[in-house]
Protein backbone atom coordinates (compact mmCIF):
# COMPACT_ATOMS: atom_id res chain seq x y z
CA UNK A 1 0.00 0.00 0.00
CA UNK A 2 2.84 2.38 0.83
CA UNK A 3 4.47 1.80 -2.56
CA UNK A 4 1.17 2.49 -4.31
CA UNK A 5 0.77 5.78 -2.44
CA UNK A 6 4.30 6.82 -3.37
CA UNK A 7 3.81 5.95 -7.03
CA UNK A 8 0.48 7.77 -7.28
CA UNK A 9 1.96 10.85 -5.64
CA UNK A 10 4.86 11.41 -7.98
CA UNK A 11 7.75 9.06 -7.15
CA UNK A 12 9.51 8.47 -10.43
CA UNK A 13 11.35 5.24 -9.63
CA UNK A 14 10.28 2.77 -6.94
CA UNK A 15 12.24 -0.31 -5.96
CA UNK A 16 10.76 -2.84 -3.56
CA UNK A 17 13.27 -5.11 -1.83
CA UNK A 18 11.49 -7.71 0.27
CA UNK A 19 11.24 -11.45 0.79
CA UNK A 20 9.25 -13.30 -1.85
CA UNK A 21 5.77 -14.40 -0.92
CA UNK A 22 2.22 -13.16 -0.79
CA UNK A 23 3.05 -9.48 -0.17
CA UNK A 24 5.61 -9.38 -2.99
CA UNK A 25 3.21 -11.19 -5.33
CA UNK A 26 0.48 -8.68 -4.47
CA UNK A 27 2.82 -5.72 -5.07
CA UNK A 28 3.73 -7.14 -8.49
CA UNK A 29 0.10 -7.79 -9.42
CA UNK A 30 -0.75 -4.18 -8.51
CA UNK A 31 2.26 -2.84 -10.46
CA UNK A 32 3.27 -1.00 -7.28
CA UNK A 33 6.94 -0.56 -8.22
CA UNK A 34 9.31 -0.30 -11.15
CA UNK A 35 11.82 -2.83 -9.81
CA UNK A 36 11.35 -5.81 -7.50
CA UNK A 37 14.16 -7.52 -5.62
CA UNK A 38 13.17 -10.74 -3.88
CA UNK A 39 15.35 -11.20 -0.83
CA UNK A 40 16.30 -14.60 0.49
CA UNK A 41 14.80 -15.18 3.93
CA UNK A 42 17.80 -17.24 5.07
CA UNK A 43 20.69 -15.19 3.62
CA UNK A 44 19.80 -11.97 1.77
CA UNK A 45 23.38 -10.64 1.74
CA UNK A 46 23.93 -11.44 -1.97
CA UNK A 47 20.80 -9.49 -2.96
CA UNK A 48 21.79 -6.54 -0.73
CA UNK A 49 25.25 -6.45 -2.33
CA UNK A 50 23.69 -6.54 -5.82
CA UNK A 51 21.35 -3.70 -4.85
CA UNK A 52 24.34 -1.59 -3.79
CA UNK A 53 26.24 -2.53 -6.96
CA UNK A 54 23.30 -1.59 -9.19
CA UNK A 55 22.79 1.71 -7.32
CA UNK A 56 26.30 2.83 -6.34
CA UNK A 57 25.21 6.33 -5.32
CA UNK A 58 22.20 5.13 -3.36
CA UNK A 59 18.61 6.33 -3.47
CA UNK A 60 17.11 9.78 -2.91
CA UNK A 61 14.64 8.36 -0.41
CA UNK A 62 14.87 5.06 1.45
CA UNK A 63 11.82 3.90 3.37
CA UNK A 64 12.43 1.24 5.97
CA UNK A 65 9.14 -0.48 6.80
CA UNK A 66 10.19 -3.93 8.00
CA UNK A 67 10.39 -3.38 11.73
CA UNK A 68 13.73 -5.22 11.74
CA UNK A 69 16.40 -3.48 13.81
CA UNK A 70 19.17 -5.00 11.69
CA UNK A 71 17.63 -3.66 8.47
CA UNK A 72 16.97 -0.27 10.09
CA UNK A 73 20.60 0.05 11.21
CA UNK A 74 21.81 -0.67 7.65
CA UNK A 75 19.17 1.36 5.80
CA UNK A 76 21.14 4.63 5.89
CA UNK A 77 23.82 2.93 3.75
CA UNK A 78 21.35 2.85 0.84
CA UNK A 79 20.71 6.62 0.86
CA UNK A 80 22.59 8.84 -1.54
CA UNK A 81 24.59 11.70 -0.04
CA UNK A 82 21.98 14.24 1.08
CA UNK A 83 19.22 11.61 0.77
CA UNK A 84 16.44 10.91 3.22
CA UNK A 85 15.77 7.87 5.38
CA UNK A 86 12.15 7.42 6.43
CA UNK A 87 11.30 4.91 9.15
CA UNK A 88 7.74 3.71 8.67
CA UNK A 89 6.37 1.79 11.62
CA UNK A 90 7.78 1.23 15.06
CA UNK A 91 10.46 -0.69 16.86
CA UNK A 92 9.20 -3.03 19.54
CA UNK A 93 10.43 -2.89 23.10
CA UNK A 94 12.29 -6.19 22.75
CA UNK A 95 14.27 -4.91 19.77
CA UNK A 96 15.53 -1.41 20.48
CA UNK A 97 18.39 0.36 18.77
CA UNK A 98 21.65 0.60 20.60
CA UNK A 99 23.39 3.97 20.75
CA UNK A 100 26.66 2.55 22.10
């Protein structure tokens, strides 16, 4: 739904990077993005590296909507210099960010 809102409100290039499954299939059927990257649930590192290789300067806007602390901590590395990181959702009490 978030990708659809972005697309209908002027985003020129949307990439969805998420595990394959029902949500990804729905996004594709709705034509919610321009590019889809299906991440491995067990070891997505290869797909993340390919994403960085294909977009060496990063993205203007990165929206982190997984709720995963690990993904949130790495999300800034996908923003271009001067880009924006948007955190959509919340972090649960059992998985808080460390500032150490």
